[in-house]
Amino acid sequence: MASKRPVFTENFSRNLLDVQAFLGPEGVRHARRLLDRLLDEVVPTICRFPQSGRSFLAHAIHSKEGKTLFNRVRDQLEEADDLREFVMDDYILLYLVRSSQIVFLSIKHHRQLSFDLRQFWQEG
């Protein structure tokens, strides 16, 4: 089985910087370790075995807003495209399998995906 060629979007690169900033003082060390693991293990694995991640479009969508966004994403995909997510330690990668390429779209630390409710408890 031939490996697919990795392509990294500007958004993916920006996300790596965002992860570093999000992690604060320890961010540089964690980002370096993350990048090493991505390049040495994860990217080659996904390029060789594109179905390693789970189907992003298989998620159950329950809200009206979610369904609208879901349809917008689906409408942007070509017929043979496969949008997938891969969980790696504390990170979630979003990638697109497209013909001979794996397009890395996004990466987030799982805590970046949670609600930021600090503003509700600030003293006024």
PDB file of N, CA and C in Angstrom:
ATOM      1  N   MET A   1       0.847  -1.176   0.000  1.00  0.00           N
ATOM      2  CA  MET A   1       0.000   0.000   0.000  1.00  0.00           C
ATOM      3  C   MET A   1       0.897   1.245   0.000  1.00  0.00           C
ATOM      4  N   ALA A   2       0.693   2.123  -0.957  1.00  0.00           N
ATOM      5  CA  ALA A   2       1.487   3.352  -1.060  1.00  0.00           C
ATOM      6  C   ALA A   2       0.965   4.401  -0.085  1.00  0.00           C
ATOM      7  N   SER A   3       1.895   5.137   0.483  1.00  0.00           N
ATOM      8  CA  SER A   3       1.522   6.205   1.413  1.00  0.00           C
ATOM      9  C   SER A   3       1.015   7.416   0.651  1.00  0.00           C
ATOM     10  N   LYS A   4       0.128   8.143   1.279  1.00  0.00           N
ATOM     11  CA  LYS A   4      -0.362   9.396   0.716  1.00  0.00           C
ATOM     12  C   LYS A   4       0.563  10.526   1.165  1.00  0.00           C
ATOM     13  N   ARG A   5       0.599  11.581   0.389  1.00  0.00           N
ATOM     14  CA  ARG A   5       1.475  12.724   0.662  1.00  0.00           C
ATOM     15  C   ARG A   5       0.809  13.662   1.660  1.00  0.00           C
ATOM     16  N   PRO A   6       1.529  14.044   2.739  1.00  0.00           N
ATOM     17  CA  PRO A   6       0.949  14.980   3.712  1.00  0.00           C
ATOM     18  C   PRO A   6       0.994  16.422   3.212  1.00  0.00           C
ATOM     19  N   VAL A   7      -0.070  17.148   3.485  1.00  0.00           N
ATOM     20  CA  VAL A   7      -0.162  18.572   3.175  1.00  0.00           C
ATOM     21  C   VAL A   7      -0.649  19.248   4.456  1.00  0.00           C
ATOM     22  N   PHE A   8       0.023  20.323   4.851  1.00  0.00           N
ATOM     23  CA  PHE A   8      -0.343  21.036   6.072  1.00  0.00           C
ATOM     24  C   PHE A   8      -0.905  22.401   5.705  1.00  0.00           C
ATOM     25  N   THR A   9      -2.091  22.701   6.205  1.00  0.00           N
ATOM     26  CA  THR A   9      -2.710  23.990   5.922  1.00  0.00           C
ATOM     27  C   THR A   9      -2.111  25.065   6.827  1.00  0.00           C
ATOM     28  N   GLU A  10      -2.304  26.320   6.430  1.00  0.00           N
ATOM     29  CA  GLU A  10      -1.876  27.436   7.278  1.00  0.00           C
ATOM     30  C   GLU A  10      -2.591  27.380   8.623  1.00  0.00           C
ATOM     31  N   ASN A  11      -3.845  26.974   8.597  1.00  0.00           N
ATOM     32  CA  ASN A  11      -4.610  26.863   9.833  1.00  0.00           C
ATOM     33  C   ASN A  11      -3.963  25.860  10.789  1.00  0.00           C
ATOM     34  N   PHE A  12      -3.497  24.732  10.270  1.00  0.00           N
ATOM     35  CA  PHE A  12      -2.846  23.722  11.096  1.00  0.00           C
ATOM     36  C   PHE A  12      -1.599  24.315  11.753  1.00  0.00           C
ATOM     37  N   SER A  13      -0.806  25.031  10.990  1.00  0.00           N
ATOM     38  CA  SER A  13       0.404  25.669  11.529  1.00  0.00           C
ATOM     39  C   SER A  13       0.049  26.696  12.595  1.00  0.00           C
ATOM     40  N   ARG A  14      -0.986  27.483  12.344  1.00  0.00           N
ATOM     41  CA  ARG A  14      -1.445  28.479  13.316  1.00  0.00           C
ATOM     42  C   ARG A  14      -1.928  27.794  14.593  1.00  0.00           C
ATOM     43  N   ASN A  15      -2.615  26.669  14.425  1.00  0.00           N
ATOM     44  CA  ASN A  15      -3.099  25.912  15.589  1.00  0.00           C
ATOM     45  C   ASN A  15      -1.955  25.442  16.471  1.00  0.00           C
ATOM     46  N   LEU A  16      -0.834  25.060  15.873  1.00  0.00           N
ATOM     47  CA  LEU A  16       0.325  24.636  16.667  1.00  0.00           C
ATOM     48  C   LEU A  16       0.824  25.787  17.539  1.00  0.00           C
ATOM     49  N   LEU A  17       0.846  26.987  16.972  1.00  0.00           N
ATOM     50  CA  LEU A  17       1.249  28.165  17.753  1.00  0.00           C
ATOM     51  C   LEU A  17       0.220  28.470  18.843  1.00  0.00           C
ATOM     52  N   ASP A  18      -1.048  28.299  18.522  1.00  0.00           N
ATOM     53  CA  ASP A  18      -2.110  28.526  19.508  1.00  0.00           C
ATOM     54  C   ASP A  18      -2.007  27.539  20.672  1.00  0.00           C
ATOM     55  N   VAL A  19      -1.682  26.291  20.369  1.00  0.00           N
ATOM     56  CA  VAL A  19      -1.505  25.290  21.415  1.00  0.00           C
ATOM     57  C   VAL A  19      -0.367  25.705  22.333  1.00  0.00           C
ATOM     58  N   GLN A  20       0.725  26.145  21.731  1.00  0.00           N
ATOM     59  CA  GLN A  20       1.881  26.582  22.517  1.00  0.00           C
ATOM     60  C   GLN A  20       1.495  27.731  23.443  1.00  0.00           C
ATOM     61  N   ALA A  21       0.780  28.706  22.923  1.00  0.00           N
ATOM     62  CA  ALA A  21       0.349  29.848  23.739  1.00  0.00           C
ATOM     63  C   ALA A  21      -0.640  29.406  24.812  1.00  0.00           C
ATOM     64  N   PHE A  22      -1.551  28.528  24.460  1.00  0.00           N
ATOM     65  CA  PHE A  22      -2.558  28.043  25.393  1.00  0.00           C
ATOM     66  C   PHE A  22      -1.923  27.341  26.595  1.00  0.00           C
ATOM     67  N   LEU A  23      -0.839  26.616  26.364  1.00  0.00           N
ATOM     68  CA  LEU A  23      -0.195  25.853  27.431  1.00  0.00           C
ATOM     69  C   LEU A  23       0.692  26.711  28.322  1.00  0.00           C
ATOM     70  N   GLY A  24       0.829  27.982  27.992  1.00  0.00           N
ATOM     71  CA  GLY A  24       1.543  28.910  28.870  1.00  0.00           C
ATOM     72  C   GLY A  24       3.033  28.661  28.941  1.00  0.00           C
ATOM     73  N   PRO A  25       3.632  28.868  30.119  1.00  0.00           N
ATOM     74  CA  PRO A  25       5.080  28.774  30.274  1.00  0.00           C
ATOM     75  C   PRO A  25       5.675  27.436  29.830  1.00  0.00           C
ATOM     76  N   GLU A  26       4.918  26.379  29.978  1.00  0.00           N
ATOM     77  CA  GLU A  26       5.405  25.057  29.563  1.00  0.00           C
ATOM     78  C   GLU A  26       5.147  24.799  28.077  1.00  0.00           C
ATOM     79  N   GLY A  27       4.519  25.762  27.401  1.00  0.00           N
ATOM     80  CA  GLY A  27       4.088  25.572  26.026  1.00  0.00           C
ATOM     81  C   GLY A  27       5.183  25.248  25.042  1.00  0.00           C
ATOM     82  N   VAL A  28       6.325  25.890  25.163  1.00  0.00           N
ATOM     83  CA  VAL A  28       7.416  25.660  24.207  1.00  0.00           C
ATOM     84  C   VAL A  28       7.884  24.213  24.278  1.00  0.00           C
ATOM     85  N   ARG A  29       8.096  23.735  25.497  1.00  0.00           N
ATOM     86  CA  ARG A  29       8.567  22.354  25.668  1.00  0.00           C
ATOM     87  C   ARG A  29       7.525  21.356  25.157  1.00  0.00           C
ATOM     88  N   HIS A  30       6.253  21.574  25.508  1.00  0.00           N
ATOM     89  CA  HIS A  30       5.185  20.678  25.059  1.00  0.00           C
ATOM     90  C   HIS A  30       5.004  20.739  23.541  1.00  0.00           C
ATOM     91  N   ALA A  31       5.087  21.929  22.980  1.00  0.00           N
ATOM     92  CA  ALA A  31       4.925  22.084  21.532  1.00  0.00           C
ATOM     93  C   ALA A  31       6.046  21.375  20.779  1.00  0.00           C
ATOM     94  N   ARG A  32       7.252  21.458  21.297  1.00  0.00           N
ATOM     95  CA  ARG A  32       8.385  20.784  20.657  1.00  0.00           C
ATOM     96  C   ARG A  32       8.175  19.269  20.682  1.00  0.00           C
ATOM     97  N   ARG A  33       7.749  18.758  21.844  1.00  0.00           N
ATOM     98  CA  ARG A  33       7.485  17.324  21.971  1.00  0.00           C
ATOM     99  C   ARG A  33       6.330  16.903  21.050  1.00  0.00           C
ATOM    100  N   LEU A  34       5.289  17.731  20.990  1.00  0.00           N
ATOM    101  CA  LEU A  34       4.155  17.455  20.109  1.00  0.00           C
ATOM    102  C   LEU A  34       4.602  17.399  18.652  1.00  0.00           C
ATOM    103  N   LEU A  35       5.374  18.378  18.230  1.00  0.00           N
ATOM    104  CA  LEU A  35       5.840  18.427  16.843  1.00  0.00           C
ATOM    105  C   LEU A  35       6.703  17.214  16.512  1.00  0.00           C
ATOM    106  N   ASP A  36       7.594  16.832  17.418  1.00  0.00           N
ATOM    107  CA  ASP A  36       8.426  15.642  17.197  1.00  0.00           C
ATOM    108  C   ASP A  36       7.557  14.402  17.028  1.00  0.00           C
ATOM    109  N   ARG A  37       6.579  14.250  17.897  1.00  0.00           N
ATOM    110  CA  ARG A  37       5.705  13.067  17.820  1.00  0.00           C
ATOM    111  C   ARG A  37       4.870  13.080  16.543  1.00  0.00           C
ATOM    112  N   LEU A  38       4.378  14.255  16.178  1.00  0.00           N
ATOM    113  CA  LEU A  38       3.611  14.368  14.936  1.00  0.00           C
ATOM    114  C   LEU A  38       4.434  13.921  13.735  1.00  0.00           C
ATOM    115  N   LEU A  39       5.625  14.499  13.611  1.00  0.00           N
ATOM    116  CA  LEU A  39       6.446  14.238  12.426  1.00  0.00           C
ATOM    117  C   LEU A  39       7.052  12.836  12.415  1.00  0.00           C
ATOM    118  N   ASP A  40       7.384  12.320  13.583  1.00  0.00           N
ATOM    119  CA  ASP A  40       8.036  11.008  13.651  1.00  0.00           C
ATOM    120  C   ASP A  40       7.066   9.834  13.630  1.00  0.00           C
ATOM    121  N   GLU A  41       5.881  10.021  14.218  1.00  0.00           N
ATOM    122  CA  GLU A  41       4.965   8.889  14.382  1.00  0.00           C
ATOM    123  C   GLU A  41       3.603   9.080  13.717  1.00  0.00           C
ATOM    124  N   VAL A  42       2.923  10.158  14.088  1.00  0.00           N
ATOM    125  CA  VAL A  42       1.513  10.303  13.731  1.00  0.00           C
ATOM    126  C   VAL A  42       1.310  10.559  12.230  1.00  0.00           C
ATOM    127  N   VAL A  43       2.015  11.537  11.687  1.00  0.00           N
ATOM    128  CA  VAL A  43       1.839  11.852  10.260  1.00  0.00           C
ATOM    129  C   VAL A  43       2.183  10.641   9.386  1.00  0.00           C
ATOM    130  N   PRO A  44       3.325   9.969   9.607  1.00  0.00           N
ATOM    131  CA  PRO A  44       3.597   8.786   8.784  1.00  0.00           C
ATOM    132  C   PRO A  44       2.537   7.687   8.926  1.00  0.00           C
ATOM    133  N   THR A  45       2.017   7.500  10.127  1.00  0.00           N
ATOM    134  CA  THR A  45       0.985   6.489  10.338  1.00  0.00           C
ATOM    135  C   THR A  45      -0.289   6.841   9.584  1.00  0.00           C
ATOM    136  N   ILE A  46      -0.725   8.084   9.715  1.00  0.00           N
ATOM    137  CA  ILE A  46      -1.960   8.501   9.030  1.00  0.00           C
ATOM    138  C   ILE A  46      -1.776   8.462   7.512  1.00  0.00           C
ATOM    139  N   CYS A  47      -0.602   8.856   7.029  1.00  0.00           N
ATOM    140  CA  CYS A  47      -0.362   8.818   5.579  1.00  0.00           C
ATOM    141  C   CYS A  47      -0.360   7.383   5.050  1.00  0.00           C
ATOM    142  N   ARG A  48       0.110   6.475   5.857  1.00  0.00           N
ATOM    143  CA  ARG A  48       0.139   5.073   5.429  1.00  0.00           C
ATOM    144  C   ARG A  48      -1.208   4.387   5.648  1.00  0.00           C
ATOM    145  N   PHE A  49      -1.887   4.753   6.738  1.00  0.00           N
ATOM    146  CA  PHE A  49      -3.176   4.154   7.090  1.00  0.00           C
ATOM    147  C   PHE A  49      -4.202   5.261   7.317  1.00  0.00           C
ATOM    148  N   PRO A  50      -4.716   5.853   6.240  1.00  0.00           N
ATOM    149  CA  PRO A  50      -5.599   7.023   6.350  1.00  0.00           C
ATOM    150  C   PRO A  50      -6.874   6.785   7.157  1.00  0.00           C
ATOM    151  N   GLN A  51      -7.299   5.556   7.254  1.00  0.00           N
ATOM    152  CA  GLN A  51      -8.531   5.259   7.996  1.00  0.00           C
ATOM    153  C   GLN A  51      -8.271   5.110   9.495  1.00  0.00           C
ATOM    154  N   SER A  52      -7.070   5.447   9.948  1.00  0.00           N
ATOM    155  CA  SER A  52      -6.723   5.326  11.372  1.00  0.00           C
ATOM    156  C   SER A  52      -7.650   6.149  12.257  1.00  0.00           C
ATOM    157  N   GLY A  53      -8.007   7.319  11.814  1.00  0.00           N
ATOM    158  CA  GLY A  53      -8.906   8.174  12.584  1.00  0.00           C
ATOM    159  C   GLY A  53     -10.356   7.787  12.343  1.00  0.00           C
ATOM    160  N   ARG A  54     -11.236   8.313  13.189  1.00  0.00           N
ATOM    161  CA  ARG A  54     -12.661   8.020  13.015  1.00  0.00           C
ATOM    162  C   ARG A  54     -13.298   9.062  12.100  1.00  0.00           C
ATOM    163  N   SER A  55     -14.378   8.662  11.484  1.00  0.00           N
ATOM    164  CA  SER A  55     -15.086   9.553  10.564  1.00  0.00           C
ATOM    165  C   SER A  55     -15.656  10.742  11.320  1.00  0.00           C
ATOM    166  N   PHE A  56     -15.306  11.933  10.891  1.00  0.00           N
ATOM    167  CA  PHE A  56     -15.815  13.141  11.527  1.00  0.00           C
ATOM    168  C   PHE A  56     -17.301  13.326  11.240  1.00  0.00           C
ATOM    169  N   LEU A  57     -17.719  12.942  10.057  1.00  0.00           N
ATOM    170  CA  LEU A  57     -19.104  13.148   9.649  1.00  0.00           C
ATOM    171  C   LEU A  57     -20.054  12.106  10.241  1.00  0.00           C
ATOM    172  N   ALA A  58     -19.532  11.138  10.979  1.00  0.00           N
ATOM    173  CA  ALA A  58     -20.379  10.113  11.591  1.00  0.00           C
ATOM    174  C   ALA A  58     -20.942  10.556  12.941  1.00  0.00           C
ATOM    175  N   HIS A  59     -20.504  11.718  13.420  1.00  0.00           N
ATOM    176  CA  HIS A  59     -21.014  12.213  14.702  1.00  0.00           C
ATOM    177  C   HIS A  59     -22.507  12.512  14.611  1.00  0.00           C
ATOM    178  N   ALA A  60     -23.220  12.194  15.662  1.00  0.00           N
ATOM    179  CA  ALA A  60     -24.646  12.542  15.734  1.00  0.00           C
ATOM    180  C   ALA A  60     -24.753  14.039  16.022  1.00  0.00           C
ATOM    181  N   ILE A  61     -25.527  14.734  15.240  1.00  0.00           N
ATOM    182  CA  ILE A  61     -25.721  16.174  15.402  1.00  0.00           C
ATOM    183  C   ILE A  61     -27.148  16.387  15.906  1.00  0.00           C
ATOM    184  N   HIS A  62     -27.273  17.114  17.025  1.00  0.00           N
ATOM    185  CA  HIS A  62     -28.595  17.257  17.639  1.00  0.00           C
ATOM    186  C   HIS A  62     -29.149  18.677  17.590  1.00  0.00           C
ATOM    187  N   SER A  63     -28.294  19.671  17.435  1.00  0.00           N
ATOM    188  CA  SER A  63     -28.798  21.042  17.445  1.00  0.00           C
ATOM    189  C   SER A  63     -29.005  21.550  16.016  1.00  0.00           C
ATOM    190  N   LYS A  64     -29.873  22.522  15.890  1.00  0.00           N
ATOM    191  CA  LYS A  64     -30.148  23.128  14.587  1.00  0.00           C
ATOM    192  C   LYS A  64     -28.893  23.813  14.039  1.00  0.00           C
ATOM    193  N   GLU A  65     -28.178  24.546  14.934  1.00  0.00           N
ATOM    194  CA  GLU A  65     -26.954  25.239  14.519  1.00  0.00           C
ATOM    195  C   GLU A  65     -25.890  24.240  14.087  1.00  0.00           C
ATOM    196  N   GLY A  66     -25.786  23.139  14.840  1.00  0.00           N
ATOM    197  CA  GLY A  66     -24.821  22.096  14.502  1.00  0.00           C
ATOM    198  C   GLY A  66     -25.116  21.468  13.154  1.00  0.00           C
ATOM    199  N   LYS A  67     -26.379  21.241  12.885  1.00  0.00           N
ATOM    200  CA  LYS A  67     -26.762  20.648  11.596  1.00  0.00           C
ATOM    201  C   LYS A  67     -26.456  21.602  10.443  1.00  0.00           C
ATOM    202  N   THR A  68     -26.666  22.896  10.675  1.00  0.00           N
ATOM    203  CA  THR A  68     -26.355  23.886   9.643  1.00  0.00           C
ATOM    204  C   THR A  68     -24.862  23.888   9.342  1.00  0.00           C
ATOM    205  N   LEU A  69     -24.037  23.912  10.391  1.00  0.00           N
ATOM    206  CA  LEU A  69     -22.581  23.872  10.197  1.00  0.00           C
ATOM    207  C   LEU A  69     -22.142  22.569   9.555  1.00  0.00           C
ATOM    208  N   PHE A  70     -22.727  21.473   9.990  1.00  0.00           N
ATOM    209  CA  PHE A  70     -22.417  20.157   9.431  1.00  0.00           C
ATOM    210  C   PHE A  70     -22.683  20.146   7.921  1.00  0.00           C
ATOM    211  N   ASN A  71     -23.831  20.674   7.511  1.00  0.00           N
ATOM    212  CA  ASN A  71     -24.177  20.703   6.086  1.00  0.00           C
ATOM    213  C   ASN A  71     -23.224  21.594   5.294  1.00  0.00           C
ATOM    214  N   ARG A  72     -22.786  22.706   5.892  1.00  0.00           N
ATOM    215  CA  ARG A  72     -21.820  23.577   5.222  1.00  0.00           C
ATOM    216  C   ARG A  72     -20.494  22.857   4.990  1.00  0.00           C
ATOM    217  N   VAL A  73     -20.053  22.147   5.999  1.00  0.00           N
ATOM    218  CA  VAL A  73     -18.797  21.389   5.870  1.00  0.00           C
ATOM    219  C   VAL A  73     -18.957  20.314   4.802  1.00  0.00           C
ATOM    220  N   ARG A  74     -20.024  19.555   4.889  1.00  0.00           N
ATOM    221  CA  ARG A  74     -20.258  18.467   3.930  1.00  0.00           C
ATOM    222  C   ARG A  74     -20.342  18.996   2.496  1.00  0.00           C
ATOM    223  N   ASP A  75     -20.937  20.180   2.312  1.00  0.00           N
ATOM    224  CA  ASP A  75     -21.065  20.758   0.976  1.00  0.00           C
ATOM    225  C   ASP A  75     -19.718  21.161   0.376  1.00  0.00           C
ATOM    226  N   GLN A  76     -18.720  21.401   1.228  1.00  0.00           N
ATOM    227  CA  GLN A  76     -17.377  21.785   0.761  1.00  0.00           C
ATOM    228  C   GLN A  76     -16.545  20.587   0.310  1.00  0.00           C
ATOM    229  N   LEU A  77     -16.985  19.393   0.676  1.00  0.00           N
ATOM    230  CA  LEU A  77     -16.212  18.192   0.365  1.00  0.00           C
ATOM    231  C   LEU A  77     -16.513  17.687  -1.038  1.00  0.00           C
ATOM    232  N   GLU A  78     -15.503  17.129  -1.656  1.00  0.00           N
ATOM    233  CA  GLU A  78     -15.701  16.458  -2.938  1.00  0.00           C
ATOM    234  C   GLU A  78     -16.255  15.064  -2.663  1.00  0.00           C
ATOM    235  N   GLU A  79     -16.789  14.427  -3.676  1.00  0.00           N
ATOM    236  CA  GLU A  79     -17.492  13.156  -3.486  1.00  0.00           C
ATOM    237  C   GLU A  79     -16.631  12.084  -2.808  1.00  0.00           C
ATOM    238  N   ALA A  80     -15.384  11.963  -3.176  1.00  0.00           N
ATOM    239  CA  ALA A  80     -14.525  10.908  -2.629  1.00  0.00           C
ATOM    240  C   ALA A  80     -13.780  11.333  -1.357  1.00  0.00           C
ATOM    241  N   ASP A  81     -13.959  12.578  -0.913  1.00  0.00           N
ATOM    242  CA  ASP A  81     -13.271  13.059   0.287  1.00  0.00           C
ATOM    243  C   ASP A  81     -13.739  12.307   1.529  1.00  0.00           C
ATOM    244  N   ASP A  82     -12.824  12.194   2.463  1.00  0.00           N
ATOM    245  CA  ASP A  82     -13.138  11.544   3.731  1.00  0.00           C
ATOM    246  C   ASP A  82     -12.557  12.412   4.846  1.00  0.00           C
ATOM    247  N   LEU A  83     -13.422  13.068   5.605  1.00  0.00           N
ATOM    248  CA  LEU A  83     -13.008  13.937   6.702  1.00  0.00           C
ATOM    249  C   LEU A  83     -12.936  13.095   7.971  1.00  0.00           C
ATOM    250  N   ARG A  84     -11.754  13.111   8.626  1.00  0.00           N
ATOM    251  CA  ARG A  84     -11.536  12.229   9.770  1.00  0.00           C
ATOM    252  C   ARG A  84     -10.882  12.981  10.923  1.00  0.00           C
ATOM    253  N   GLU A  85     -11.009  12.423  12.125  1.00  0.00           N
ATOM    254  CA  GLU A  85     -10.343  12.989  13.291  1.00  0.00           C
ATOM    255  C   GLU A  85      -9.529  11.893  13.964  1.00  0.00           C
ATOM    256  N   PHE A  86      -8.410  12.302  14.522  1.00  0.00           N
ATOM    257  CA  PHE A  86      -7.478  11.371  15.150  1.00  0.00           C
ATOM    258  C   PHE A  86      -7.145  11.911  16.535  1.00  0.00           C
ATOM    259  N   VAL A  87      -7.338  11.095  17.549  1.00  0.00           N
ATOM    260  CA  VAL A  87      -7.041  11.506  18.919  1.00  0.00           C
ATOM    261  C   VAL A  87      -5.648  10.996  19.272  1.00  0.00           C
ATOM    262  N   MET A  88      -4.802  11.924  19.731  1.00  0.00           N
ATOM    263  CA  MET A  88      -3.425  11.605  20.085  1.00  0.00           C
ATOM    264  C   MET A  88      -3.130  12.250  21.432  1.00  0.00           C
ATOM    265  N   ASP A  89      -3.014  11.436  22.462  1.00  0.00           N
ATOM    266  CA  ASP A  89      -2.767  11.951  23.803  1.00  0.00           C
ATOM    267  C   ASP A  89      -3.808  13.018  24.147  1.00  0.00           C
ATOM    268  N   ASP A  90      -3.365  14.255  24.361  1.00  0.00           N
ATOM    269  CA  ASP A  90      -4.264  15.348  24.726  1.00  0.00           C
ATOM    270  C   ASP A  90      -4.720  16.173  23.522  1.00  0.00           C
ATOM    271  N   TYR A  91      -4.508  15.676  22.319  1.00  0.00           N
ATOM    272  CA  TYR A  91      -4.750  16.463  21.114  1.00  0.00           C
ATOM    273  C   TYR A  91      -5.738  15.768  20.182  1.00  0.00           C
ATOM    274  N   ILE A  92      -6.455  16.600  19.430  1.00  0.00           N
ATOM    275  CA  ILE A  92      -7.387  16.113  18.424  1.00  0.00           C
ATOM    276  C   ILE A  92      -6.976  16.720  17.091  1.00  0.00           C
ATOM    277  N   LEU A  93      -6.704  15.856  16.110  1.00  0.00           N
ATOM    278  CA  LEU A  93      -6.314  16.296  14.772  1.00  0.00           C
ATOM    279  C   LEU A  93      -7.490  16.100  13.828  1.00  0.00           C
ATOM    280  N   LEU A  94      -7.723  17.063  12.967  1.00  0.00           N
ATOM    281  CA  LEU A  94      -8.737  16.951  11.930  1.00  0.00           C
ATOM    282  C   LEU A  94      -7.997  16.904  10.599  1.00  0.00           C
ATOM    283  N   TYR A  95      -8.288  15.875   9.802  1.00  0.00           N
ATOM    284  CA  TYR A  95      -7.603  15.741   8.519  1.00  0.00           C
ATOM    285  C   TYR A  95      -8.558  15.263   7.441  1.00  0.00           C
ATOM    286  N   LEU A  96      -8.158  15.529   6.216  1.00  0.00           N
ATOM    287  CA  LEU A  96      -8.968  15.196   5.056  1.00  0.00           C
ATOM    288  C   LEU A  96      -8.198  14.225   4.180  1.00  0.00           C
ATOM    289  N   VAL A  97      -8.827  13.111   3.859  1.00  0.00           N
ATOM    290  CA  VAL A  97      -8.244  12.161   2.912  1.00  0.00           C
ATOM    291  C   VAL A  97      -8.789  12.536   1.548  1.00  0.00           C
ATOM    292  N   ARG A  98      -7.895  12.952   0.665  1.00  0.00           N
ATOM    293  CA  ARG A  98      -8.298  13.412  -0.666  1.00  0.00           C
ATOM    294  C   ARG A  98      -7.320  12.850  -1.696  1.00  0.00           C
ATOM    295  N   SER A  99      -7.786  12.014  -2.565  1.00  0.00           N
ATOM    296  CA  SER A  99      -7.009  11.334  -3.610  1.00  0.00           C
ATOM    297  C   SER A  99      -5.660  10.861  -3.061  1.00  0.00           C
ATOM    298  N   SER A 100      -4.555  11.445  -3.499  1.00  0.00           N
ATOM    299  CA  SER A 100      -3.227  10.975  -3.083  1.00  0.00           C
ATOM    300  C   SER A 100      -2.666  11.769  -1.910  1.00  0.00           C
ATOM    301  N   GLN A 101      -3.521  12.567  -1.244  1.00  0.00           N
ATOM    302  CA  GLN A 101      -3.048  13.444  -0.172  1.00  0.00           C
ATOM    303  C   GLN A 101      -3.782  13.194   1.147  1.00  0.00           C
ATOM    304  N   ILE A 102      -3.079  13.552   2.214  1.00  0.00           N
ATOM    305  CA  ILE A 102      -3.700  13.715   3.523  1.00  0.00           C
ATOM    306  C   ILE A 102      -3.519  15.194   3.851  1.00  0.00           C
ATOM    307  N   VAL A 103      -4.613  15.917   3.965  1.00  0.00           N
ATOM    308  CA  VAL A 103      -4.569  17.353   4.242  1.00  0.00           C
ATOM    309  C   VAL A 103      -4.852  17.547   5.732  1.00  0.00           C
ATOM    310  N   PHE A 104      -3.833  18.004   6.460  1.00  0.00           N
ATOM    311  CA  PHE A 104      -3.980  18.239   7.889  1.00  0.00           C
ATOM    312  C   PHE A 104      -4.599  19.627   8.076  1.00  0.00           C
ATOM    313  N   LEU A 105      -5.822  19.644   8.612  1.00  0.00           N
ATOM    314  CA  LEU A 105      -6.618  20.865   8.683  1.00  0.00           C
ATOM    315  C   LEU A 105      -6.505  21.594  10.015  1.00  0.00           C
ATOM    316  N   SER A 106      -6.490  20.839  11.113  1.00  0.00           N
ATOM    317  CA  SER A 106      -6.560  21.476  12.428  1.00  0.00           C
ATOM    318  C   SER A 106      -5.992  20.551  13.496  1.00  0.00           C
ATOM    319  N   ILE A 107      -5.468  21.162  14.552  1.00  0.00           N
ATOM    320  CA  ILE A 107      -5.058  20.422  15.741  1.00  0.00           C
ATOM    321  C   ILE A 107      -5.375  21.290  16.954  1.00  0.00           C
ATOM    322  N   LYS A 108      -5.933  20.677  17.970  1.00  0.00           N
ATOM    323  CA  LYS A 108      -6.297  21.391  19.191  1.00  0.00           C
ATOM    324  C   LYS A 108      -5.948  20.535  20.394  1.00  0.00           C
ATOM    325  N   HIS A 109      -5.569  21.188  21.478  1.00  0.00           N
ATOM    326  CA  HIS A 109      -5.461  20.513  22.759  1.00  0.00           C
ATOM    327  C   HIS A 109      -6.890  20.313  23.238  1.00  0.00           C
ATOM    328  N   HIS A 110      -7.183  19.185  23.851  1.00  0.00           N
ATOM    329  CA  HIS A 110      -8.579  18.899  24.214  1.00  0.00           C
ATOM    330  C   HIS A 110      -9.163  19.970  25.140  1.00  0.00           C
ATOM    331  N   ARG A 111      -8.332  20.613  25.972  1.00  0.00           N
ATOM    332  CA  ARG A 111      -8.868  21.655  26.851  1.00  0.00           C
ATOM    333  C   ARG A 111      -9.222  22.924  26.088  1.00  0.00           C
ATOM    334  N   GLN A 112      -8.693  23.105  24.886  1.00  0.00           N
ATOM    335  CA  GLN A 112      -9.072  24.257  24.071  1.00  0.00           C
ATOM    336  C   GLN A 112     -10.495  24.118  23.569  1.00  0.00           C
ATOM    337  N   LEU A 113     -11.021  22.931  23.617  1.00  0.00           N
ATOM    338  CA  LEU A 113     -12.358  22.678  23.091  1.00  0.00           C
ATOM    339  C   LEU A 113     -13.445  22.802  24.146  1.00  0.00           C
ATOM    340  N   SER A 114     -13.059  23.093  25.378  1.00  0.00           N
ATOM    341  CA  SER A 114     -14.048  23.192  26.442  1.00  0.00           C
ATOM    342  C   SER A 114     -14.581  24.618  26.549  1.00  0.00           C
ATOM    343  N   PHE A 115     -15.610  24.782  27.333  1.00  0.00           N
ATOM    344  CA  PHE A 115     -16.215  26.090  27.521  1.00  0.00           C
ATOM    345  C   PHE A 115     -15.336  26.963  28.404  1.00  0.00           C
ATOM    346  N   ASP A 116     -15.237  28.223  28.074  1.00  0.00           N
ATOM    347  CA  ASP A 116     -14.511  29.179  28.908  1.00  0.00           C
ATOM    348  C   ASP A 116     -15.552  29.964  29.687  1.00  0.00           C
ATOM    349  N   LEU A 117     -15.773  29.565  30.927  1.00  0.00           N
ATOM    350  CA  LEU A 117     -16.821  30.174  31.740  1.00  0.00           C
ATOM    351  C   LEU A 117     -16.271  31.145  32.767  1.00  0.00           C
ATOM    352  N   ARG A 118     -14.982  31.458  32.710  1.00  0.00           N
ATOM    353  CA  ARG A 118     -14.375  32.349  33.707  1.00  0.00           C
ATOM    354  C   ARG A 118     -15.074  33.703  33.786  1.00  0.00           C
ATOM    355  N   GLN A 119     -15.531  34.204  32.652  1.00  0.00           N
ATOM    356  CA  GLN A 119     -16.160  35.528  32.649  1.00  0.00           C
ATOM    357  C   GLN A 119     -17.424  35.575  33.501  1.00  0.00           C
ATOM    358  N   PHE A 120     -18.069  34.446  33.702  1.00  0.00           N
ATOM    359  CA  PHE A 120     -19.305  34.416  34.479  1.00  0.00           C
ATOM    360  C   PHE A 120     -19.055  34.490  35.983  1.00  0.00           C
ATOM    361  N   TRP A 121     -17.829  34.222  36.411  1.00  0.00           N
ATOM    362  CA  TRP A 121     -17.526  34.216  37.838  1.00  0.00           C
ATOM    363  C   TRP A 121     -16.593  35.344  38.253  1.00  0.00           C
ATOM    364  N   GLN A 122     -16.337  36.256  37.356  1.00  0.00           N
ATOM    365  CA  GLN A 122     -15.499  37.413  37.706  1.00  0.00           C
ATOM    366  C   GLN A 122     -16.320  38.364  38.564  1.00  0.00           C
ATOM    367  N   GLU A 123     -15.657  38.939  39.533  1.00  0.00           N
ATOM    368  CA  GLU A 123     -16.345  39.903  40.393  1.00  0.00           C
ATOM    369  C   GLU A 123     -16.588  41.185  39.609  1.00  0.00           C
ATOM    370  N   GLY A 124     -17.759  41.736  39.749  1.00  0.00           N
ATOM    371  CA  GLY A 124     -18.145  42.911  38.990  1.00  0.00           C
ATOM    372  C   GLY A 124     -17.951  44.113  39.754  1.00  0.00           C
TER     373      GLY A 124
END
